[in-house]
Amino acid sequence: METGLTFSADAVAQSEVALVNNELQITAPKQFSLDLGKEEIRTALKHLGFPDLRFKVNFGEVKSAPAALPNTPKAAPKEDEVTERALSHPEVKRFRELFGGEVRTVRNLKEPWNE
């Protein structure tokens, strides 16, 4: 996030990341293939102080959901407010009228990516 790579940070948050034999191994869903390029990973590693760390990115099925951060409070009423506001938006209403379906999750883009 600090390097301006918000899409890449979101992709890493939804990936499995492990350090195996001094190599950073990232397994990410296929939809993040554009967000986790070599240059993005190198930029992030340089920022973290590991410019020479080897890495490998695999795209495929992520076996487990990302673990919740331990000290991250979730405010349910605030999420309900965000959902209500999103569903009341005229463009969202029109989209739902045209295509039907249900809205399962609404992300508050004003919140930091890890909350």
C-alpha atoms as a PDB file:
ATOM      1  CA  MET A   1       0.000   0.000   0.000  1.00  0.00           C
ATOM      2  CA  GLU A   2       2.807   2.413   0.882  1.00  0.00           C
ATOM      3  CA  THR A   3       4.359   2.069  -2.588  1.00  0.00           C
ATOM      4  CA  GLY A   4       1.087   2.910  -4.343  1.00  0.00           C
ATOM      5  CA  LEU A   5       0.460  -0.653  -5.498  1.00  0.00           C
ATOM      6  CA  THR A   6      -3.046  -0.944  -4.061  1.00  0.00           C
ATOM      7  CA  PHE A   7      -4.229  -3.599  -6.514  1.00  0.00           C
ATOM      8  CA  SER A   8      -1.141  -5.686  -5.878  1.00  0.00           C
ATOM      9  CA  ALA A   9      -1.570  -5.324  -2.109  1.00  0.00           C
ATOM     10  CA  ASP A  10      -5.156  -6.527  -2.412  1.00  0.00           C
ATOM     11  CA  ALA A  11      -4.004  -9.468  -4.536  1.00  0.00           C
ATOM     12  CA  VAL A  12      -1.379 -10.485  -1.956  1.00  0.00           C
ATOM     13  CA  ALA A  13      -3.951 -10.196   0.842  1.00  0.00           C
ATOM     14  CA  GLN A  14      -6.117 -12.747  -0.966  1.00  0.00           C
ATOM     15  CA  SER A  15      -3.232 -15.108  -1.750  1.00  0.00           C
ATOM     16  CA  GLU A  16      -1.270 -17.752   0.073  1.00  0.00           C
ATOM     17  CA  VAL A  17       2.253 -16.559   0.831  1.00  0.00           C
ATOM     18  CA  ALA A  18       5.066 -18.690   2.218  1.00  0.00           C
ATOM     19  CA  LEU A  19       8.825 -18.405   2.614  1.00  0.00           C
ATOM     20  CA  VAL A  20      10.356 -21.734   1.576  1.00  0.00           C
ATOM     21  CA  ASN A  21      14.136 -22.220   1.308  1.00  0.00           C
ATOM     22  CA  ASN A  22      14.734 -18.455   1.160  1.00  0.00           C
ATOM     23  CA  GLU A  23      12.229 -18.071  -1.680  1.00  0.00           C
ATOM     24  CA  LEU A  24       8.964 -16.184  -1.362  1.00  0.00           C
ATOM     25  CA  GLN A  25       6.214 -18.346  -2.867  1.00  0.00           C
ATOM     26  CA  ILE A  26       2.905 -16.682  -3.673  1.00  0.00           C
ATOM     27  CA  THR A  27      -0.131 -18.668  -4.803  1.00  0.00           C
ATOM     28  CA  ALA A  28      -2.784 -16.273  -6.069  1.00  0.00           C
ATOM     29  CA  PRO A  29      -6.161 -16.614  -7.764  1.00  0.00           C
ATOM     30  CA  LYS A  30      -5.938 -16.331 -11.570  1.00  0.00           C
ATOM     31  CA  GLN A  31      -7.848 -13.043 -11.670  1.00  0.00           C
ATOM     32  CA  PHE A  32      -4.833 -11.304 -10.063  1.00  0.00           C
ATOM     33  CA  SER A  33      -2.363 -12.202 -12.811  1.00  0.00           C
ATOM     34  CA  LEU A  34      -2.090  -8.581 -13.966  1.00  0.00           C
ATOM     35  CA  ASP A  35      -1.679  -7.255 -10.419  1.00  0.00           C
ATOM     36  CA  LEU A  36       1.188  -9.542  -9.398  1.00  0.00           C
ATOM     37  CA  GLY A  37       3.778  -8.985 -12.080  1.00  0.00           C
ATOM     38  CA  LYS A  38       7.531  -9.247 -11.520  1.00  0.00           C
ATOM     39  CA  GLU A  39       8.020  -5.489 -11.274  1.00  0.00           C
ATOM     40  CA  GLU A  40       5.267  -5.073  -8.675  1.00  0.00           C
ATOM     41  CA  ILE A  41       6.731  -7.808  -6.486  1.00  0.00           C
ATOM     42  CA  ARG A  42      10.283  -6.417  -6.866  1.00  0.00           C
ATOM     43  CA  THR A  43       9.084  -2.930  -5.911  1.00  0.00           C
ATOM     44  CA  ALA A  44       7.338  -4.258  -2.792  1.00  0.00           C
ATOM     45  CA  LEU A  45      10.344  -6.357  -1.751  1.00  0.00           C
ATOM     46  CA  LYS A  46      12.699  -3.398  -2.185  1.00  0.00           C
ATOM     47  CA  HIS A  47      10.387  -1.273  -0.048  1.00  0.00           C
ATOM     48  CA  LEU A  48      10.366  -3.970   2.664  1.00  0.00           C
ATOM     49  CA  GLY A  49      14.170  -4.159   2.635  1.00  0.00           C
ATOM     50  CA  PHE A  50      14.548  -7.474   0.788  1.00  0.00           C
ATOM     51  CA  PRO A  51      15.633  -6.423  -2.718  1.00  0.00           C
ATOM     52  CA  ASP A  52      17.497  -9.675  -3.460  1.00  0.00           C
ATOM     53  CA  LEU A  53      14.884 -12.128  -2.169  1.00  0.00           C
ATOM     54  CA  ARG A  54      13.916 -14.697  -4.785  1.00  0.00           C
ATOM     55  CA  PHE A  55      10.217 -15.110  -5.440  1.00  0.00           C
ATOM     56  CA  LYS A  56       7.845 -17.243  -7.444  1.00  0.00           C
ATOM     57  CA  VAL A  57       4.209 -16.470  -8.226  1.00  0.00           C
ATOM     58  CA  ASN A  58       1.811 -19.290  -9.104  1.00  0.00           C
ATOM     59  CA  PHE A  59      -1.712 -18.601 -10.268  1.00  0.00           C
ATOM     60  CA  GLY A  60      -4.401 -21.094  -9.469  1.00  0.00           C
ATOM     61  CA  GLU A  61      -6.708 -22.194  -6.710  1.00  0.00           C
ATOM     62  CA  VAL A  62      -5.992 -20.797  -3.258  1.00  0.00           C
ATOM     63  CA  LYS A  63      -6.561 -23.611  -0.757  1.00  0.00           C
ATOM     64  CA  SER A  64      -7.535 -21.542   2.256  1.00  0.00           C
ATOM     65  CA  ALA A  65      -9.100 -18.181   2.866  1.00  0.00           C
ATOM     66  CA  PRO A  66      -6.726 -15.477   4.108  1.00  0.00           C
ATOM     67  CA  ALA A  67      -6.439 -15.439   7.883  1.00  0.00           C
ATOM     68  CA  ALA A  68      -8.016 -12.537   9.691  1.00  0.00           C
ATOM     69  CA  LEU A  69      -5.567 -10.178  11.300  1.00  0.00           C
ATOM     70  CA  PRO A  70      -5.644 -10.599  15.091  1.00  0.00           C
ATOM     71  CA  ASN A  71      -6.132  -6.972  16.169  1.00  0.00           C
ATOM     72  CA  THR A  72      -8.494  -5.893  13.419  1.00  0.00           C
ATOM     73  CA  PRO A  73     -11.844  -4.805  14.842  1.00  0.00           C
ATOM     74  CA  LYS A  74     -14.788  -5.210  12.513  1.00  0.00           C
ATOM     75  CA  ALA A  75     -17.694  -2.829  12.903  1.00  0.00           C
ATOM     76  CA  ALA A  76     -20.830  -4.642  11.793  1.00  0.00           C
ATOM     77  CA  PRO A  77     -23.130  -1.596  11.974  1.00  0.00           C
ATOM     78  CA  LYS A  78     -20.770   0.363   9.744  1.00  0.00           C
ATOM     79  CA  GLU A  79     -20.750  -2.455   7.171  1.00  0.00           C
ATOM     80  CA  ASP A  80     -24.552  -2.499   7.221  1.00  0.00           C
ATOM     81  CA  GLU A  81     -24.557   1.232   6.581  1.00  0.00           C
ATOM     82  CA  VAL A  82     -22.191   0.792   3.638  1.00  0.00           C
ATOM     83  CA  THR A  83     -24.315  -2.040   2.219  1.00  0.00           C
ATOM     84  CA  GLU A  84     -27.500  -0.021   2.600  1.00  0.00           C
ATOM     85  CA  ARG A  85     -25.936   3.001   0.929  1.00  0.00           C
ATOM     86  CA  ALA A  86     -24.583   0.890  -1.947  1.00  0.00           C
ATOM     87  CA  LEU A  87     -27.895  -0.879  -2.561  1.00  0.00           C
ATOM     88  CA  SER A  88     -29.776   2.418  -2.581  1.00  0.00           C
ATOM     89  CA  HIS A  89     -27.552   3.867  -5.336  1.00  0.00           C
ATOM     90  CA  PRO A  90     -29.584   4.411  -8.559  1.00  0.00           C
ATOM     91  CA  GLU A  91     -27.041   2.655 -10.815  1.00  0.00           C
ATOM     92  CA  VAL A  92     -26.925  -0.378  -8.528  1.00  0.00           C
ATOM     93  CA  LYS A  93     -30.720  -0.519  -8.469  1.00  0.00           C
ATOM     94  CA  ARG A  94     -30.849  -0.394 -12.268  1.00  0.00           C
ATOM     95  CA  PHE A  95     -28.206  -3.095 -12.599  1.00  0.00           C
ATOM     96  CA  ARG A  96     -30.116  -5.366 -10.227  1.00  0.00           C
ATOM     97  CA  GLU A  97     -33.350  -4.750 -12.157  1.00  0.00           C
ATOM     98  CA  LEU A  98     -31.665  -5.674 -15.443  1.00  0.00           C
ATOM     99  CA  PHE A  99     -29.650  -8.680 -14.313  1.00  0.00           C
ATOM    100  CA  GLY A 100     -31.315  -9.863 -11.099  1.00  0.00           C
ATOM    101  CA  GLY A 101     -29.288 -11.895  -8.647  1.00  0.00           C
ATOM    102  CA  GLU A 102     -28.202 -11.006  -5.169  1.00  0.00           C
ATOM    103  CA  VAL A 103     -25.506  -8.842  -3.626  1.00  0.00           C
ATOM    104  CA  ARG A 104     -23.396 -11.007  -1.336  1.00  0.00           C
ATOM    105  CA  THR A 105     -20.617  -8.670  -0.297  1.00  0.00           C
ATOM    106  CA  VAL A 106     -20.113  -4.923  -0.336  1.00  0.00           C
ATOM    107  CA  ARG A 107     -16.605  -3.596   0.214  1.00  0.00           C
ATOM    108  CA  ASN A 108     -16.079  -0.156   1.678  1.00  0.00           C
ATOM    109  CA  LEU A 109     -13.374   1.303  -0.544  1.00  0.00           C
ATOM    110  CA  LYS A 110     -12.780   4.148   1.909  1.00  0.00           C
ATOM    111  CA  GLU A 111     -11.430   1.692   4.509  1.00  0.00           C
ATOM    112  CA  PRO A 112      -7.840   0.437   4.498  1.00  0.00           C
ATOM    113  CA  TRP A 113      -7.403  -2.765   2.458  1.00  0.00           C
ATOM    114  CA  ASN A 114      -6.739  -4.998   5.476  1.00  0.00           C
ATOM    115  CA  GLU A 115      -9.854  -4.142   7.453  1.00  0.00           C
END
